[in-house]
Amino acid sequence: RRERLYHSHVKEWRAARDAGALEKLVDRRTGPARP
């Protein structure tokens, strides 16, 4: 509630962290557009 997040955010981010893919933690939908 404090961070205005959903459990699905944490779940997705935890799975990416556990997979060891830090670059997967960057949300491509909100990331910078490809040059």
Full PDB file with SEQRES, HELIX, SHEET, SSBOND, CRYST1, ORIGX, SCALE, CONECT and MASTER records, all heavy atoms in Angstrom:
SEQRES   1 A   35  ARG ARG GLU ARG LEU TYR HIS SER HIS VAL LYS GLU TRP          
SEQRES   2 A   35  ARG ALA ALA ARG ASP ALA GLY ALA LEU GLU LYS LEU VAL          
SEQRES   3 A   35  ASP ARG ARG THR GLY PRO ALA ARG PRO                          
HELIX    1 AA1 HIS A    7  ASP A   18  1                                  12    
HELIX    2 AA2 LEU A   22  LEU A   25  5                                   4    
CRYST1    1.000    1.000    1.000  90.00  90.00  90.00 P 1           1          
ORIGX1      1.000000  0.000000  0.000000        0.00000                         
ORIGX2      0.000000  1.000000  0.000000        0.00000                         
ORIGX3      0.000000  0.000000  1.000000        0.00000                         
SCALE1      1.000000  0.000000  0.000000        0.00000                         
SCALE2      0.000000  1.000000  0.000000        0.00000                         
SCALE3      0.000000  0.000000  1.000000        0.00000                         
ATOM      1  N   ARG A   1       0.827  -1.208   0.000  1.00  0.00           N  
ATOM      2  CA  ARG A   1       0.000   0.000   0.000  1.00  0.00           C  
ATOM      3  C   ARG A   1       0.861   1.257   0.000  1.00  0.00           C  
ATOM      4  O   ARG A   1       0.574   2.215  -0.712  1.00  0.00           O  
ATOM      5  CB  ARG A   1      -0.947  -0.004   1.197  1.00  0.00           C  
ATOM      6  CG  ARG A   1      -2.116  -0.949   1.032  1.00  0.00           C  
ATOM      7  CD  ARG A   1      -3.139  -0.770   2.146  1.00  0.00           C  
ATOM      8  NE  ARG A   1      -2.612  -1.053   3.471  1.00  0.00           N  
ATOM      9  CZ  ARG A   1      -2.523  -2.284   4.000  1.00  0.00           C  
ATOM     10  NH1 ARG A   1      -2.923  -3.332   3.306  1.00  0.00           N  
ATOM     11  NH2 ARG A   1      -2.043  -2.453   5.212  1.00  0.00           N  
ATOM     12  N   ARG A   2       1.910   1.269   0.809  1.00  0.00           N  
ATOM     13  CA  ARG A   2       2.790   2.436   0.898  1.00  0.00           C  
ATOM     14  C   ARG A   2       3.426   2.745  -0.454  1.00  0.00           C  
ATOM     15  O   ARG A   2       3.522   3.894  -0.859  1.00  0.00           O  
ATOM     16  CB  ARG A   2       3.886   2.181   1.943  1.00  0.00           C  
ATOM     17  CG  ARG A   2       4.803   3.391   2.138  1.00  0.00           C  
ATOM     18  CD  ARG A   2       6.015   3.069   2.984  1.00  0.00           C  
ATOM     19  NE  ARG A   2       6.936   2.275   2.188  1.00  0.00           N  
ATOM     20  CZ  ARG A   2       7.594   1.210   2.618  1.00  0.00           C  
ATOM     21  NH1 ARG A   2       7.437   0.782   3.852  1.00  0.00           N  
ATOM     22  NH2 ARG A   2       8.411   0.550   1.842  1.00  0.00           N  
ATOM     23  N   GLU A   3       3.822   1.703  -1.178  1.00  0.00           N  
ATOM     24  CA  GLU A   3       4.495   1.883  -2.462  1.00  0.00           C  
ATOM     25  C   GLU A   3       3.520   1.909  -3.639  1.00  0.00           C  
ATOM     26  O   GLU A   3       3.924   2.079  -4.776  1.00  0.00           O  
ATOM     27  CB  GLU A   3       5.526   0.765  -2.675  1.00  0.00           C  
ATOM     28  CG  GLU A   3       6.630   0.743  -1.653  1.00  0.00           C  
ATOM     29  CD  GLU A   3       7.520   1.975  -1.706  1.00  0.00           C  
ATOM     30  OE1 GLU A   3       7.728   2.523  -2.812  1.00  0.00           O  
ATOM     31  OE2 GLU A   3       8.012   2.375  -0.637  1.00  0.00           O  
ATOM     32  N   ARG A   4       2.223   1.710  -3.337  1.00  0.00           N  
ATOM     33  CA  ARG A   4       1.174   1.656  -4.365  1.00  0.00           C  
ATOM     34  C   ARG A   4       1.499   0.592  -5.410  1.00  0.00           C  
ATOM     35  O   ARG A   4       1.514   0.833  -6.608  1.00  0.00           O  
ATOM     36  CB  ARG A   4       0.973   3.021  -5.027  1.00  0.00           C  
ATOM     37  CG  ARG A   4       0.457   4.055  -4.054  1.00  0.00           C  
ATOM     38  CD  ARG A   4       0.231   5.404  -4.670  1.00  0.00           C  
ATOM     39  NE  ARG A   4       1.430   5.887  -5.333  1.00  0.00           N  
ATOM     40  CZ  ARG A   4       1.424   6.571  -6.478  1.00  0.00           C  
ATOM     41  NH1 ARG A   4       0.305   6.861  -7.065  1.00  0.00           N  
ATOM     42  NH2 ARG A   4       2.544   6.986  -7.014  1.00  0.00           N  
ATOM     43  N   LEU A   5       1.760  -0.616  -4.921  1.00  0.00           N  
ATOM     44  CA  LEU A   5       2.105  -1.748  -5.778  1.00  0.00           C  
ATOM     45  C   LEU A   5       1.103  -2.875  -5.564  1.00  0.00           C  
ATOM     46  O   LEU A   5       0.318  -2.848  -4.612  1.00  0.00           O  
ATOM     47  CB  LEU A   5       3.509  -2.268  -5.441  1.00  0.00           C  
ATOM     48  CG  LEU A   5       4.666  -1.302  -5.689  1.00  0.00           C  
ATOM     49  CD1 LEU A   5       5.948  -1.885  -5.121  1.00  0.00           C  
ATOM     50  CD2 LEU A   5       4.811  -1.007  -7.160  1.00  0.00           C  
ATOM     51  N   TYR A   6       1.168  -3.842  -6.440  1.00  0.00           N  
ATOM     52  CA  TYR A   6       0.350  -5.044  -6.318  1.00  0.00           C  
ATOM     53  C   TYR A   6       1.260  -6.230  -6.012  1.00  0.00           C  
ATOM     54  O   TYR A   6       2.467  -6.201  -6.296  1.00  0.00           O  
ATOM     55  CB  TYR A   6      -0.414  -5.319  -7.616  1.00  0.00           C  
ATOM     56  CG  TYR A   6      -1.433  -4.263  -7.930  1.00  0.00           C  
ATOM     57  CD1 TYR A   6      -1.153  -3.268  -8.852  1.00  0.00           C  
ATOM     58  CD2 TYR A   6      -2.675  -4.263  -7.307  1.00  0.00           C  
ATOM     59  CE1 TYR A   6      -2.093  -2.286  -9.147  1.00  0.00           C  
ATOM     60  CE2 TYR A   6      -3.620  -3.291  -7.590  1.00  0.00           C  
ATOM     61  CZ  TYR A   6      -3.320  -2.299  -8.513  1.00  0.00           C  
ATOM     62  OH  TYR A   6      -4.243  -1.350  -8.789  1.00  0.00           O  
ATOM     63  N   HIS A   7       0.664  -7.268  -5.470  1.00  0.00           N  
ATOM     64  CA  HIS A   7       1.430  -8.470  -5.170  1.00  0.00           C  
ATOM     65  C   HIS A   7       2.052  -9.038  -6.443  1.00  0.00           C  
ATOM     66  O   HIS A   7       3.150  -9.604  -6.429  1.00  0.00           O  
ATOM     67  CB  HIS A   7       0.533  -9.517  -4.491  1.00  0.00           C  
ATOM     68  CG  HIS A   7       1.255 -10.774  -4.181  1.00  0.00           C  
ATOM     69  ND1 HIS A   7       1.161 -11.886  -4.970  1.00  0.00           N  
ATOM     70  CD2 HIS A   7       2.117 -11.092  -3.176  1.00  0.00           C  
ATOM     71  CE1 HIS A   7       1.930 -12.840  -4.470  1.00  0.00           C  
ATOM     72  NE2 HIS A   7       2.504 -12.391  -3.377  1.00  0.00           N  
ATOM     73  N   SER A   8       1.367  -8.870  -7.573  1.00  0.00           N  
ATOM     74  CA  SER A   8       1.892  -9.384  -8.843  1.00  0.00           C  
ATOM     75  C   SER A   8       3.211  -8.721  -9.216  1.00  0.00           C  
ATOM     76  O   SER A   8       4.075  -9.356  -9.826  1.00  0.00           O  
ATOM     77  CB  SER A   8       0.871  -9.187  -9.961  1.00  0.00           C  
ATOM     78  OG  SER A   8       0.559  -7.817 -10.112  1.00  0.00           O  
ATOM     79  N   HIS A   9       3.387  -7.445  -8.826  1.00  0.00           N  
ATOM     80  CA  HIS A   9       4.673  -6.783  -9.079  1.00  0.00           C  
ATOM     81  C   HIS A   9       5.786  -7.539  -8.353  1.00  0.00           C  
ATOM     82  O   HIS A   9       6.805  -7.906  -8.953  1.00  0.00           O  
ATOM     83  CB  HIS A   9       4.663  -5.333  -8.560  1.00  0.00           C  
ATOM     84  CG  HIS A   9       3.885  -4.375  -9.393  1.00  0.00           C  
ATOM     85  ND1 HIS A   9       2.753  -3.768  -8.932  1.00  0.00           N  
ATOM     86  CD2 HIS A   9       4.088  -3.899 -10.645  1.00  0.00           C  
ATOM     87  CE1 HIS A   9       2.281  -2.958  -9.857  1.00  0.00           C  
ATOM     88  NE2 HIS A   9       3.069  -3.021 -10.922  1.00  0.00           N  
ATOM     89  N   VAL A  10       5.577  -7.739  -7.067  1.00  0.00           N  
ATOM     90  CA  VAL A  10       6.602  -8.397  -6.247  1.00  0.00           C  
ATOM     91  C   VAL A  10       6.863  -9.805  -6.751  1.00  0.00           C  
ATOM     92  O   VAL A  10       8.011 -10.246  -6.845  1.00  0.00           O  
ATOM     93  CB  VAL A  10       6.180  -8.400  -4.760  1.00  0.00           C  
ATOM     94  CG1 VAL A  10       7.180  -9.176  -3.915  1.00  0.00           C  
ATOM     95  CG2 VAL A  10       6.041  -6.976  -4.251  1.00  0.00           C  
ATOM     96  N   LYS A  11       5.807 -10.503  -7.107  1.00  0.00           N  
ATOM     97  CA  LYS A  11       5.939 -11.874  -7.596  1.00  0.00           C  
ATOM     98  C   LYS A  11       6.784 -11.921  -8.872  1.00  0.00           C  
ATOM     99  O   LYS A  11       7.704 -12.736  -9.004  1.00  0.00           O  
ATOM    100  CB  LYS A  11       4.531 -12.423  -7.856  1.00  0.00           C  
ATOM    101  CG  LYS A  11       4.427 -13.878  -8.066  1.00  0.00           C  
ATOM    102  CD  LYS A  11       2.947 -14.244  -8.096  1.00  0.00           C  
ATOM    103  CE  LYS A  11       2.732 -15.557  -8.769  1.00  0.00           C  
ATOM    104  NZ  LYS A  11       1.315 -15.885  -8.896  1.00  0.00           N  
ATOM    105  N   GLU A  12       6.496 -11.016  -9.809  1.00  0.00           N  
ATOM    106  CA  GLU A  12       7.237 -10.964 -11.075  1.00  0.00           C  
ATOM    107  C   GLU A  12       8.697 -10.573 -10.844  1.00  0.00           C  
ATOM    108  O   GLU A  12       9.609 -11.173 -11.397  1.00  0.00           O  
ATOM    109  CB  GLU A  12       6.558  -9.944 -11.993  1.00  0.00           C  
ATOM    110  CG  GLU A  12       7.243  -9.746 -13.325  1.00  0.00           C  
ATOM    111  CD  GLU A  12       6.559  -8.655 -14.138  1.00  0.00           C  
ATOM    112  OE1 GLU A  12       5.340  -8.473 -13.995  1.00  0.00           O  
ATOM    113  OE2 GLU A  12       7.271  -7.985 -14.905  1.00  0.00           O  
ATOM    114  N   TRP A  13       8.907  -9.580  -9.982  1.00  0.00           N  
ATOM    115  CA  TRP A  13      10.267  -9.122  -9.719  1.00  0.00           C  
ATOM    116  C   TRP A  13      11.078 -10.178  -8.971  1.00  0.00           C  
ATOM    117  O   TRP A  13      12.269 -10.348  -9.217  1.00  0.00           O  
ATOM    118  CB  TRP A  13      10.234  -7.823  -8.914  1.00  0.00           C  
ATOM    119  CG  TRP A  13       9.561  -6.683  -9.630  1.00  0.00           C  
ATOM    120  CD1 TRP A  13       9.253  -6.611 -10.962  1.00  0.00           C  
ATOM    121  CD2 TRP A  13       9.078  -5.481  -9.046  1.00  0.00           C  
ATOM    122  NE1 TRP A  13       8.618  -5.424 -11.240  1.00  0.00           N  
ATOM    123  CE2 TRP A  13       8.501  -4.706 -10.082  1.00  0.00           C  
ATOM    124  CE3 TRP A  13       9.072  -4.965  -7.754  1.00  0.00           C  
ATOM    125  CZ2 TRP A  13       7.950  -3.452  -9.867  1.00  0.00           C  
ATOM    126  CZ3 TRP A  13       8.521  -3.713  -7.535  1.00  0.00           C  
ATOM    127  CH2 TRP A  13       7.966  -2.963  -8.584  1.00  0.00           C  
ATOM    128  N   ARG A  14      10.438 -10.906  -8.078  1.00  0.00           N  
ATOM    129  CA  ARG A  14      11.139 -11.966  -7.338  1.00  0.00           C  
ATOM    130  C   ARG A  14      11.564 -13.081  -8.294  1.00  0.00           C  
ATOM    131  O   ARG A  14      12.680 -13.594  -8.217  1.00  0.00           O  
ATOM    132  CB  ARG A  14      10.254 -12.535  -6.234  1.00  0.00           C  
ATOM    133  CG  ARG A  14      10.997 -13.562  -5.372  1.00  0.00           C  
ATOM    134  CD  ARG A  14      10.104 -14.258  -4.360  1.00  0.00           C  
ATOM    135  NE  ARG A  14       9.499 -13.339  -3.416  1.00  0.00           N  
ATOM    136  CZ  ARG A  14       8.179 -13.189  -3.246  1.00  0.00           C  
ATOM    137  NH1 ARG A  14       7.336 -13.916  -3.945  1.00  0.00           N  
ATOM    138  NH2 ARG A  14       7.706 -12.340  -2.366  1.00  0.00           N  
ATOM    139  N   ALA A  15      10.680 -13.455  -9.209  1.00  0.00           N  
ATOM    140  CA  ALA A  15      11.012 -14.511 -10.177  1.00  0.00           C  
ATOM    141  C   ALA A  15      12.197 -14.086 -11.045  1.00  0.00           C  
ATOM    142  O   ALA A  15      13.095 -14.890 -11.311  1.00  0.00           O  
ATOM    143  CB  ALA A  15       9.799 -14.813 -11.049  1.00  0.00           C  
ATOM    144  N   ALA A  16      12.216 -12.827 -11.448  1.00  0.00           N  
ATOM    145  CA  ALA A  16      13.332 -12.332 -12.260  1.00  0.00           C  
ATOM    146  C   ALA A  16      14.623 -12.322 -11.443  1.00  0.00           C  
ATOM    147  O   ALA A  16      15.685 -12.697 -11.942  1.00  0.00           O  
ATOM    148  CB  ALA A  16      13.022 -10.941 -12.795  1.00  0.00           C  
ATOM    149  N   ARG A  17      14.514 -11.905 -10.186  1.00  0.00           N  
ATOM    150  CA  ARG A  17      15.700 -11.891  -9.326  1.00  0.00           C  
ATOM    151  C   ARG A  17      16.226 -13.298  -9.125  1.00  0.00           C  
ATOM    152  O   ARG A  17      17.417 -13.556  -9.217  1.00  0.00           O  
ATOM    153  CB  ARG A  17      15.352 -11.269  -7.964  1.00  0.00           C  
ATOM    154  CG  ARG A  17      16.543 -11.230  -7.010  1.00  0.00           C  
ATOM    155  CD  ARG A  17      16.135 -11.130  -5.576  1.00  0.00           C  
ATOM    156  NE  ARG A  17      15.364 -12.330  -5.191  1.00  0.00           N  
ATOM    157  CZ  ARG A  17      14.657 -12.423  -4.085  1.00  0.00           C  
ATOM    158  NH1 ARG A  17      14.565 -11.401  -3.251  1.00  0.00           N  
ATOM    159  NH2 ARG A  17      14.007 -13.540  -3.802  1.00  0.00           N  
ATOM    160  N   ASP A  18      15.332 -14.254  -8.876  1.00  0.00           N  
ATOM    161  CA  ASP A  18      15.743 -15.631  -8.635  1.00  0.00           C  
ATOM    162  C   ASP A  18      16.342 -16.263  -9.883  1.00  0.00           C  
ATOM    163  O   ASP A  18      17.179 -17.153  -9.787  1.00  0.00           O  
ATOM    164  CB  ASP A  18      14.558 -16.457  -8.139  1.00  0.00           C  
ATOM    165  CG  ASP A  18      14.098 -16.022  -6.745  1.00  0.00           C  
ATOM    166  OD1 ASP A  18      14.833 -15.264  -6.080  1.00  0.00           O  
ATOM    167  OD2 ASP A  18      12.991 -16.429  -6.347  1.00  0.00           O  
ATOM    168  N   ALA A  19      15.907 -15.807 -11.050  1.00  0.00           N  
ATOM    169  CA  ALA A  19      16.472 -16.323 -12.297  1.00  0.00           C  
ATOM    170  C   ALA A  19      17.844 -15.713 -12.566  1.00  0.00           C  
ATOM    171  O   ALA A  19      18.534 -16.138 -13.482  1.00  0.00           O  
ATOM    172  CB  ALA A  19      15.527 -16.033 -13.461  1.00  0.00           C  
ATOM    173  N   GLY A  20      18.209 -14.701 -11.756  1.00  0.00           N  
ATOM    174  CA  GLY A  20      19.509 -14.066 -11.921  1.00  0.00           C  
ATOM    175  C   GLY A  20      19.558 -13.145 -13.125  1.00  0.00           C  
ATOM    176  O   GLY A  20      20.620 -12.860 -13.660  1.00  0.00           O  
ATOM    177  N   ALA A  21      18.428 -12.690 -13.537  1.00  0.00           N  
ATOM    178  CA  ALA A  21      18.372 -11.843 -14.729  1.00  0.00           C  
ATOM    179  C   ALA A  21      18.020 -10.425 -14.322  1.00  0.00           C  
ATOM    180  O   ALA A  21      16.869 -10.014 -14.383  1.00  0.00           O  
ATOM    181  CB  ALA A  21      17.350 -12.392 -15.708  1.00  0.00           C  
ATOM    182  N   LEU A  22      19.012  -9.671 -13.917  1.00  0.00           N  
ATOM    183  CA  LEU A  22      18.779  -8.293 -13.491  1.00  0.00           C  
ATOM    184  C   LEU A  22      18.210  -7.475 -14.635  1.00  0.00           C  
ATOM    185  O   LEU A  22      17.347  -6.628 -14.437  1.00  0.00           O  
ATOM    186  CB  LEU A  22      20.079  -7.666 -12.976  1.00  0.00           C  
ATOM    187  CG  LEU A  22      19.958  -6.277 -12.373  1.00  0.00           C  
ATOM    188  CD1 LEU A  22      19.067  -6.321 -11.138  1.00  0.00           C  
ATOM    189  CD2 LEU A  22      21.318  -5.720 -12.029  1.00  0.00           C  
ATOM    190  N   GLU A  23      18.662  -7.753 -15.867  1.00  0.00           N  
ATOM    191  CA  GLU A  23      18.153  -6.983 -17.003  1.00  0.00           C  
ATOM    192  C   GLU A  23      16.671  -7.272 -17.251  1.00  0.00           C  
ATOM    193  O   GLU A  23      15.969  -6.463 -17.822  1.00  0.00           O  
ATOM    194  CB  GLU A  23      18.959  -7.234 -18.278  1.00  0.00           C  
ATOM    195  CG  GLU A  23      18.922  -8.648 -18.805  1.00  0.00           C  
ATOM    196  CD  GLU A  23      19.938  -9.584 -18.170  1.00  0.00           C  
ATOM    197  OE1 GLU A  23      20.712  -9.143 -17.311  1.00  0.00           O  
ATOM    198  OE2 GLU A  23      19.927 -10.768 -18.531  1.00  0.00           O  
ATOM    199  N   LYS A  24      16.191  -8.427 -16.785  1.00  0.00           N  
ATOM    200  CA  LYS A  24      14.767  -8.736 -16.948  1.00  0.00           C  
ATOM    201  C   LYS A  24      13.919  -7.940 -15.977  1.00  0.00           C  
ATOM    202  O   LYS A  24      12.709  -7.888 -16.120  1.00  0.00           O  
ATOM    203  CB  LYS A  24      14.508 -10.229 -16.753  1.00  0.00           C  
ATOM    204  CG  LYS A  24      14.968 -11.064 -17.914  1.00  0.00           C  
ATOM    205  CD  LYS A  24      14.536 -12.490 -17.754  1.00  0.00           C  
ATOM    206  CE  LYS A  24      14.978 -13.320 -18.937  1.00  0.00           C  
ATOM    207  NZ  LYS A  24      14.634 -14.718 -18.794  1.00  0.00           N  
ATOM    208  N   LEU A  25      14.553  -7.337 -14.993  1.00  0.00           N  
ATOM    209  CA  LEU A  25      13.802  -6.526 -14.049  1.00  0.00           C  
ATOM    210  C   LEU A  25      13.405  -5.182 -14.654  1.00  0.00           C  
ATOM    211  O   LEU A  25      12.572  -4.490 -14.113  1.00  0.00           O  
ATOM    212  CB  LEU A  25      14.621  -6.286 -12.781  1.00  0.00           C  
ATOM    213  CG  LEU A  25      14.797  -7.503 -11.881  1.00  0.00           C  
ATOM    214  CD1 LEU A  25      15.696  -7.164 -10.719  1.00  0.00           C  
ATOM    215  CD2 LEU A  25      13.458  -7.992 -11.381  1.00  0.00           C  
ATOM    216  N   VAL A  26      13.981  -4.806 -15.753  1.00  0.00           N  
ATOM    217  CA  VAL A  26      13.611  -3.563 -16.407  1.00  0.00           C  
ATOM    218  C   VAL A  26      12.344  -3.806 -17.203  1.00  0.00           C  
ATOM    219  O   VAL A  26      12.290  -4.699 -18.040  1.00  0.00           O  
ATOM    220  CB  VAL A  26      14.753  -3.078 -17.338  1.00  0.00           C  
ATOM    221  CG1 VAL A  26      14.335  -1.824 -18.063  1.00  0.00           C  
ATOM    222  CG2 VAL A  26      16.013  -2.844 -16.543  1.00  0.00           C  
ATOM    223  N   ASP A  27      11.329  -3.040 -16.917  1.00  0.00           N  
ATOM    224  CA  ASP A  27      10.045  -3.191 -17.598  1.00  0.00           C  
ATOM    225  C   ASP A  27      10.176  -2.632 -19.004  1.00  0.00           C  
ATOM    226  O   ASP A  27      10.340  -1.433 -19.184  1.00  0.00           O  
ATOM    227  CB  ASP A  27       8.957  -2.460 -16.821  1.00  0.00           C  
ATOM    228  CG  ASP A  27       7.574  -2.768 -17.338  1.00  0.00           C  
ATOM    229  OD1 ASP A  27       7.463  -3.405 -18.400  1.00  0.00           O  
ATOM    230  OD2 ASP A  27       6.611  -2.369 -16.675  1.00  0.00           O  
ATOM    231  N   ARG A  28      10.108  -3.489 -20.011  1.00  0.00           N  
ATOM    232  CA  ARG A  28      10.304  -3.048 -21.383  1.00  0.00           C  
ATOM    233  C   ARG A  28       9.178  -2.152 -21.872  1.00  0.00           C  
ATOM    234  O   ARG A  28       9.344  -1.384 -22.798  1.00  0.00           O  
ATOM    235  CB  ARG A  28      10.458  -4.258 -22.299  1.00  0.00           C  
ATOM    236  CG  ARG A  28      11.828  -4.878 -22.145  1.00  0.00           C  
ATOM    237  CD  ARG A  28      11.976  -6.079 -23.059  1.00  0.00           C  
ATOM    238  NE  ARG A  28      13.310  -6.605 -23.119  1.00  0.00           N  
ATOM    239  CZ  ARG A  28      14.003  -7.086 -22.106  1.00  0.00           C  
ATOM    240  NH1 ARG A  28      13.496  -7.086 -20.901  1.00  0.00           N  
ATOM    241  NH2 ARG A  28      15.218  -7.571 -22.275  1.00  0.00           N  
ATOM    242  N   ARG A  29       8.020  -2.262 -21.246  1.00  0.00           N  
ATOM    243  CA  ARG A  29       6.908  -1.406 -21.665  1.00  0.00           C  
ATOM    244  C   ARG A  29       7.184   0.040 -21.318  1.00  0.00           C  
ATOM    245  O   ARG A  29       6.728   0.948 -21.996  1.00  0.00           O  
ATOM    246  CB  ARG A  29       5.617  -1.850 -21.003  1.00  0.00           C  
ATOM    247  CG  ARG A  29       5.174  -3.233 -21.436  1.00  0.00           C  
ATOM    248  CD  ARG A  29       4.015  -3.674 -20.602  1.00  0.00           C  
ATOM    249  NE  ARG A  29       4.457  -3.734 -19.212  1.00  0.00           N  
ATOM    250  CZ  ARG A  29       3.721  -4.097 -18.201  1.00  0.00           C  
ATOM    251  NH1 ARG A  29       2.485  -4.429 -18.387  1.00  0.00           N  
ATOM    252  NH2 ARG A  29       4.195  -4.131 -16.975  1.00  0.00           N  
ATOM    253  N   THR A  30       7.897   0.290 -20.228  1.00  0.00           N  
ATOM    254  CA  THR A  30       8.155   1.655 -19.801  1.00  0.00           C  
ATOM    255  C   THR A  30       9.599   2.054 -20.020  1.00  0.00           C  
ATOM    256  O   THR A  30       9.977   3.168 -19.737  1.00  0.00           O  
ATOM    257  CB  THR A  30       7.822   1.828 -18.311  1.00  0.00           C  
ATOM    258  OG1 THR A  30       8.623   0.909 -17.562  1.00  0.00           O  
ATOM    259  CG2 THR A  30       6.362   1.587 -18.043  1.00  0.00           C  
ATOM    260  N   GLY A  31      10.405   1.137 -20.533  1.00  0.00           N  
ATOM    261  CA  GLY A  31      11.802   1.445 -20.785  1.00  0.00           C  
ATOM    262  C   GLY A  31      11.943   2.358 -21.991  1.00  0.00           C  
ATOM    263  O   GLY A  31      10.991   2.635 -22.708  1.00  0.00           O  
ATOM    264  N   PRO A  32      13.147   2.846 -22.207  1.00  0.00           N  
ATOM    265  CA  PRO A  32      13.333   3.739 -23.351  1.00  0.00           C  
ATOM    266  C   PRO A  32      13.104   2.998 -24.659  1.00  0.00           C  
ATOM    267  O   PRO A  32      13.340   1.801 -24.772  1.00  0.00           O  
ATOM    268  CB  PRO A  32      14.797   4.179 -23.224  1.00  0.00           C  
ATOM    269  CG  PRO A  32      15.443   3.113 -22.403  1.00  0.00           C  
ATOM    270  CD  PRO A  32      14.368   2.575 -21.492  1.00  0.00           C  
ATOM    271  N   ALA A  33      12.634   3.722 -25.637  1.00  0.00           N  
ATOM    272  CA  ALA A  33      12.370   3.132 -26.946  1.00  0.00           C  
ATOM    273  C   ALA A  33      13.686   2.766 -27.610  1.00  0.00           C  
ATOM    274  O   ALA A  33      14.728   3.361 -27.333  1.00  0.00           O  
ATOM    275  CB  ALA A  33      11.609   4.132 -27.815  1.00  0.00           C  
ATOM    276  N   ARG A  34      13.608   1.756 -28.468  1.00  0.00           N  
ATOM    277  CA  ARG A  34      14.816   1.375 -29.192  1.00  0.00           C  
ATOM    278  C   ARG A  34      15.245   2.543 -30.073  1.00  0.00           C  
ATOM    279  O   ARG A  34      14.395   3.211 -30.671  1.00  0.00           O  
ATOM    280  CB  ARG A  34      14.551   0.165 -30.077  1.00  0.00           C  
ATOM    281  CG  ARG A  34      14.526  -1.116 -29.294  1.00  0.00           C  
ATOM    282  CD  ARG A  34      14.415  -2.280 -30.230  1.00  0.00           C  
ATOM    283  NE  ARG A  34      12.984  -2.456 -30.499  1.00  0.00           N  
ATOM    284  CZ  ARG A  34      12.493  -3.093 -31.533  1.00  0.00           C  
ATOM    285  NH1 ARG A  34      13.274  -3.619 -32.415  1.00  0.00           N  
ATOM    286  NH2 ARG A  34      11.209  -3.213 -31.701  1.00  0.00           N  
ATOM    287  N   PRO A  35      16.549   2.772 -30.173  1.00  0.00           N  
ATOM    288  CA  PRO A  35      16.987   3.873 -31.033  1.00  0.00           C  
ATOM    289  C   PRO A  35      16.656   3.559 -32.489  1.00  0.00           C  
ATOM    290  O   PRO A  35      16.760   2.419 -32.930  1.00  0.00           O  
ATOM    291  CB  PRO A  35      18.497   3.932 -30.808  1.00  0.00           C  
ATOM    292  CG  PRO A  35      18.865   2.596 -30.258  1.00  0.00           C  
ATOM    293  CD  PRO A  35      17.649   2.078 -29.541  1.00  0.00           C  
TER     294      PRO A  35                                                      
MASTER        0    0    0    2    0    0    0    6  293    1    0    3          
END                                                                             
